[in-house]
Amino acid sequence: MRIVGDIPHQSLKITIFLHDSKYAVKFEAGLYEQTYKFRSGDDVESVEDIKAIVDETFINQVQAALPMMHQQKLEALGRRKEEIADEFEEII
C-alpha cells in the first residue's frame, strides 16, 4: 500500500492510499481513524475521482461519527473496569 495523495483539511488528516488497483481513504482525528475503501468498479479510477467523492458532505459525515466512536470507547472502558472490580472478593 502506498500513499498517492492527501486532502487538506483544518481538523482532519485525510490520506489517500493505493493498493492492488484499490483506493483507500483514511481520516484521522486524534486517537480515532476511519478508513473507506473503493474498488475500480465503484467508478473510481484516479486520485481526482477520490477527491471528487470526498466532498464537504462526506467529510461532515465522517466528523459526525467521531463523537460516537469516542463514546463507544468510553463505554467499553467502563465495562472493563466493572469486570475487573467484580473479579475481587469483597472484604468486610
N, C-alpha and C. Protein backbone atom coordinates (compact mmCIF):
# COMPACT_ATOMS: atom_id res chain seq x y z
N MET A 1 0.85 -1.16 0.00
CA MET A 1 0.00 0.00 0.00
C MET A 1 0.90 1.23 0.00
N ARG A 2 0.58 2.18 -0.85
CA ARG A 2 1.40 3.39 -0.89
C ARG A 2 0.51 4.62 -0.88
N ILE A 3 1.04 5.68 -0.34
CA ILE A 3 0.32 6.95 -0.29
C ILE A 3 0.40 7.60 -1.67
N VAL A 4 -0.77 7.98 -2.19
CA VAL A 4 -0.81 8.60 -3.51
C VAL A 4 -1.38 10.02 -3.46
N GLY A 5 -1.82 10.45 -2.29
CA GLY A 5 -2.34 11.81 -2.20
C GLY A 5 -2.88 12.11 -0.83
N ASP A 6 -3.27 13.36 -0.68
CA ASP A 6 -3.93 13.76 0.56
C ASP A 6 -4.93 14.86 0.23
N ILE A 7 -5.82 15.10 1.18
CA ILE A 7 -6.83 16.14 1.02
C ILE A 7 -6.66 17.08 2.20
N PRO A 8 -6.31 18.33 1.94
CA PRO A 8 -6.11 19.27 3.04
C PRO A 8 -7.41 19.52 3.81
N HIS A 9 -7.28 19.58 5.13
CA HIS A 9 -8.42 19.88 5.99
C HIS A 9 -7.89 20.46 7.28
N GLN A 10 -8.66 21.37 7.89
CA GLN A 10 -8.17 22.06 9.09
C GLN A 10 -8.15 21.18 10.33
N SER A 11 -9.02 20.18 10.45
CA SER A 11 -9.03 19.39 11.69
C SER A 11 -8.84 17.88 11.48
N LEU A 12 -8.82 17.43 10.25
CA LEU A 12 -8.61 16.01 9.96
C LEU A 12 -7.38 15.83 9.09
N LYS A 13 -6.71 14.71 9.29
CA LYS A 13 -5.66 14.31 8.34
C LYS A 13 -6.32 13.31 7.40
N ILE A 14 -6.35 13.62 6.12
CA ILE A 14 -7.01 12.78 5.13
C ILE A 14 -5.96 12.30 4.14
N THR A 15 -5.73 10.98 4.12
CA THR A 15 -4.69 10.39 3.28
C THR A 15 -5.32 9.40 2.30
N ILE A 16 -4.85 9.43 1.07
CA ILE A 16 -5.33 8.52 0.02
C ILE A 16 -4.24 7.49 -0.26
N PHE A 17 -4.63 6.23 -0.21
CA PHE A 17 -3.71 5.12 -0.45
C PHE A 17 -4.15 4.36 -1.70
N LEU A 18 -3.20 3.67 -2.33
CA LEU A 18 -3.48 2.79 -3.47
C LEU A 18 -2.82 1.45 -3.20
N HIS A 19 -3.60 0.38 -3.39
CA HIS A 19 -3.08 -0.98 -3.23
C HIS A 19 -3.85 -1.91 -4.15
N ASP A 20 -3.15 -2.58 -5.04
CA ASP A 20 -3.78 -3.52 -5.98
C ASP A 20 -4.97 -2.91 -6.71
N SER A 21 -4.79 -1.74 -7.25
CA SER A 21 -5.83 -1.02 -8.01
C SER A 21 -7.05 -0.66 -7.18
N LYS A 22 -6.91 -0.65 -5.86
CA LYS A 22 -7.98 -0.23 -4.97
C LYS A 22 -7.51 0.97 -4.17
N TYR A 23 -8.40 1.92 -4.01
CA TYR A 23 -8.08 3.11 -3.23
C TYR A 23 -8.65 2.99 -1.83
N ALA A 24 -7.94 3.56 -0.88
CA ALA A 24 -8.43 3.67 0.49
C ALA A 24 -8.22 5.12 0.92
N VAL A 25 -9.21 5.64 1.63
CA VAL A 25 -9.12 7.00 2.16
C VAL A 25 -9.20 6.89 3.67
N LYS A 26 -8.15 7.38 4.35
CA LYS A 26 -8.10 7.31 5.80
C LYS A 26 -8.26 8.71 6.38
N PHE A 27 -9.20 8.82 7.32
CA PHE A 27 -9.44 10.06 8.04
C PHE A 27 -8.92 9.87 9.46
N GLU A 28 -8.07 10.77 9.92
CA GLU A 28 -7.51 10.67 11.27
C GLU A 28 -7.83 11.94 12.04
N ALA A 29 -8.26 11.72 13.30
CA ALA A 29 -8.53 12.84 14.22
C ALA A 29 -8.15 12.36 15.61
N GLY A 30 -7.02 12.83 16.11
CA GLY A 30 -6.58 12.42 17.44
C GLY A 30 -6.35 10.92 17.50
N LEU A 31 -7.02 10.25 18.43
CA LEU A 31 -6.86 8.81 18.63
C LEU A 31 -7.76 7.97 17.73
N TYR A 32 -8.55 8.62 16.90
CA TYR A 32 -9.55 7.89 16.11
C TYR A 32 -9.26 8.01 14.63
N GLU A 33 -9.61 6.95 13.91
CA GLU A 33 -9.47 6.97 12.46
C GLU A 33 -10.58 6.16 11.81
N GLN A 34 -10.93 6.56 10.62
CA GLN A 34 -11.91 5.84 9.80
C GLN A 34 -11.28 5.64 8.43
N THR A 35 -11.50 4.47 7.85
CA THR A 35 -10.97 4.19 6.52
C THR A 35 -12.09 3.70 5.63
N TYR A 36 -12.14 4.24 4.43
CA TYR A 36 -13.11 3.83 3.42
C TYR A 36 -12.34 3.30 2.22
N LYS A 37 -12.76 2.15 1.70
CA LYS A 37 -12.08 1.53 0.57
C LYS A 37 -12.99 1.59 -0.66
N PHE A 38 -12.36 1.80 -1.81
CA PHE A 38 -13.08 1.91 -3.07
C PHE A 38 -12.45 0.98 -4.10
N ARG A 39 -13.28 0.22 -4.79
CA ARG A 39 -12.81 -0.64 -5.88
C ARG A 39 -12.96 0.09 -7.20
N SER A 40 -12.28 -0.39 -8.19
CA SER A 40 -12.38 0.24 -9.51
C SER A 40 -13.81 0.14 -10.04
N GLY A 41 -14.57 -0.86 -9.62
CA GLY A 41 -15.97 -1.00 -10.02
C GLY A 41 -16.86 0.08 -9.44
N ASP A 42 -16.34 0.84 -8.48
CA ASP A 42 -17.09 1.94 -7.89
C ASP A 42 -16.93 3.22 -8.72
N ASP A 43 -16.49 3.09 -9.96
CA ASP A 43 -16.22 4.23 -10.84
C ASP A 43 -15.14 5.15 -10.27
N VAL A 44 -14.16 4.55 -9.63
CA VAL A 44 -13.03 5.28 -9.07
C VAL A 44 -11.78 4.79 -9.78
N GLU A 45 -11.20 5.67 -10.57
CA GLU A 45 -10.03 5.29 -11.36
C GLU A 45 -8.80 6.13 -11.05
N SER A 46 -8.97 7.20 -10.25
CA SER A 46 -7.83 8.08 -10.03
C SER A 46 -7.97 8.82 -8.70
N VAL A 47 -6.89 9.46 -8.29
CA VAL A 47 -6.91 10.29 -7.08
C VAL A 47 -7.92 11.42 -7.24
N GLU A 48 -8.03 11.95 -8.44
CA GLU A 48 -9.01 13.03 -8.68
C GLU A 48 -10.44 12.54 -8.47
N ASP A 49 -10.72 11.28 -8.83
CA ASP A 49 -12.05 10.71 -8.57
C ASP A 49 -12.31 10.65 -7.06
N ILE A 50 -11.30 10.22 -6.31
CA ILE A 50 -11.43 10.16 -4.85
C ILE A 50 -11.70 11.54 -4.28
N LYS A 51 -10.95 12.53 -4.74
CA LYS A 51 -11.13 13.89 -4.25
C LYS A 51 -12.52 14.43 -4.56
N ALA A 52 -13.09 14.00 -5.67
CA ALA A 52 -14.45 14.42 -6.01
C ALA A 52 -15.49 13.75 -5.10
N ILE A 53 -15.23 12.51 -4.73
CA ILE A 53 -16.15 11.78 -3.85
C ILE A 53 -16.09 12.32 -2.43
N VAL A 54 -14.88 12.59 -1.96
CA VAL A 54 -14.69 13.07 -0.59
C VAL A 54 -14.95 14.58 -0.57
N ASP A 55 -16.22 14.92 -0.67
CA ASP A 55 -16.62 16.32 -0.69
C ASP A 55 -16.94 16.80 0.73
N GLU A 56 -17.43 18.00 0.84
CA GLU A 56 -17.73 18.59 2.15
C GLU A 56 -18.77 17.76 2.92
N THR A 57 -19.78 17.26 2.23
CA THR A 57 -20.81 16.44 2.87
C THR A 57 -20.21 15.16 3.44
N PHE A 58 -19.37 14.50 2.66
CA PHE A 58 -18.72 13.26 3.11
C PHE A 58 -17.88 13.54 4.36
N ILE A 59 -17.08 14.59 4.30
CA ILE A 59 -16.22 14.94 5.43
C ILE A 59 -17.05 15.28 6.67
N ASN A 60 -18.14 16.01 6.50
CA ASN A 60 -19.02 16.34 7.63
C ASN A 60 -19.61 15.08 8.27
N GLN A 61 -19.95 14.10 7.45
CA GLN A 61 -20.49 12.85 7.97
C GLN A 61 -19.42 12.08 8.74
N VAL A 62 -18.21 12.10 8.25
CA VAL A 62 -17.10 11.45 8.97
C VAL A 62 -16.92 12.13 10.32
N GLN A 63 -16.90 13.45 10.34
CA GLN A 63 -16.73 14.18 11.60
C GLN A 63 -17.88 13.93 12.57
N ALA A 64 -19.06 13.75 12.06
CA ALA A 64 -20.22 13.49 12.92
C ALA A 64 -20.11 12.14 13.62
N ALA A 65 -19.40 11.20 13.01
CA ALA A 65 -19.26 9.87 13.61
C ALA A 65 -18.20 9.83 14.70
N LEU A 66 -17.30 10.79 14.75
CA LEU A 66 -16.20 10.78 15.72
C LEU A 66 -16.68 10.81 17.17
N PRO A 67 -17.63 11.66 17.55
CA PRO A 67 -18.09 11.64 18.95
C PRO A 67 -18.71 10.29 19.33
N MET A 68 -19.40 9.64 18.40
CA MET A 68 -19.97 8.32 18.67
C MET A 68 -18.85 7.30 18.90
N MET A 69 -17.79 7.38 18.13
CA MET A 69 -16.66 6.48 18.32
C MET A 69 -16.04 6.68 19.70
N HIS A 70 -15.91 7.94 20.09
CA HIS A 70 -15.35 8.26 21.40
C HIS A 70 -16.25 7.70 22.51
N GLN A 71 -17.56 7.87 22.37
CA GLN A 71 -18.50 7.36 23.38
C GLN A 71 -18.43 5.84 23.46
N GLN A 72 -18.33 5.17 22.33
CA GLN A 72 -18.22 3.70 22.33
C GLN A 72 -16.97 3.26 23.08
N LYS A 73 -15.87 3.96 22.89
CA LYS A 73 -14.63 3.63 23.57
C LYS A 73 -14.78 3.82 25.07
N LEU A 74 -15.36 4.95 25.49
CA LEU A 74 -15.55 5.21 26.91
C LEU A 74 -16.44 4.16 27.56
N GLU A 75 -17.52 3.78 26.88
CA GLU A 75 -18.42 2.76 27.42
C GLU A 75 -17.71 1.41 27.55
N ALA A 76 -16.91 1.05 26.57
CA ALA A 76 -16.17 -0.22 26.62
C ALA A 76 -15.17 -0.20 27.77
N LEU A 77 -14.48 0.91 27.95
CA LEU A 77 -13.55 1.02 29.07
C LEU A 77 -14.29 0.92 30.40
N GLY A 78 -15.46 1.53 30.48
CA GLY A 78 -16.27 1.45 31.70
C GLY A 78 -16.69 0.03 32.02
N ARG A 79 -17.11 -0.71 30.98
CA ARG A 79 -17.49 -2.11 31.19
C ARG A 79 -16.30 -2.92 31.68
N ARG A 80 -15.15 -2.65 31.14
CA ARG A 80 -13.94 -3.39 31.54
C ARG A 80 -13.60 -3.11 32.99
N LYS A 81 -13.73 -1.86 33.42
CA LYS A 81 -13.44 -1.51 34.81
C LYS A 81 -14.40 -2.24 35.75
N GLU A 82 -15.66 -2.36 35.33
CA GLU A 82 -16.65 -3.09 36.14
C GLU A 82 -16.27 -4.57 36.25
N GLU A 83 -15.82 -5.16 35.13
CA GLU A 83 -15.41 -6.57 35.14
C GLU A 83 -14.24 -6.79 36.08
N ILE A 84 -13.28 -5.90 36.05
CA ILE A 84 -12.12 -6.02 36.90
C ILE A 84 -12.52 -5.89 38.36
N ALA A 85 -13.41 -4.95 38.66
CA ALA A 85 -13.87 -4.76 40.03
C ALA A 85 -14.61 -5.98 40.55
N ASP A 86 -15.35 -6.67 39.68
CA ASP A 86 -16.10 -7.85 40.06
C ASP A 86 -15.20 -9.06 40.33
N GLU A 87 -13.96 -9.04 39.84
CA GLU A 87 -13.05 -10.17 39.99
C GLU A 87 -12.52 -10.29 41.43
N PHE A 88 -12.55 -9.23 42.18
CA PHE A 88 -12.01 -9.25 43.53
C PHE A 88 -13.10 -9.55 44.56
N GLU A 89 -12.74 -10.32 45.55
CA GLU A 89 -13.69 -10.63 46.61
C GLU A 89 -13.93 -9.39 47.43
N GLU A 90 -15.15 -9.29 47.95
CA GLU A 90 -15.48 -8.17 48.81
C GLU A 90 -14.92 -8.44 50.20
N ILE A 91 -14.22 -7.49 50.74
CA ILE A 91 -13.64 -7.62 52.08
C ILE A 91 -14.49 -6.81 53.02
N ILE A 92 -14.91 -7.47 54.08
CA ILE A 92 -15.78 -6.80 55.05
C ILE A 92 -14.97 -6.32 56.24
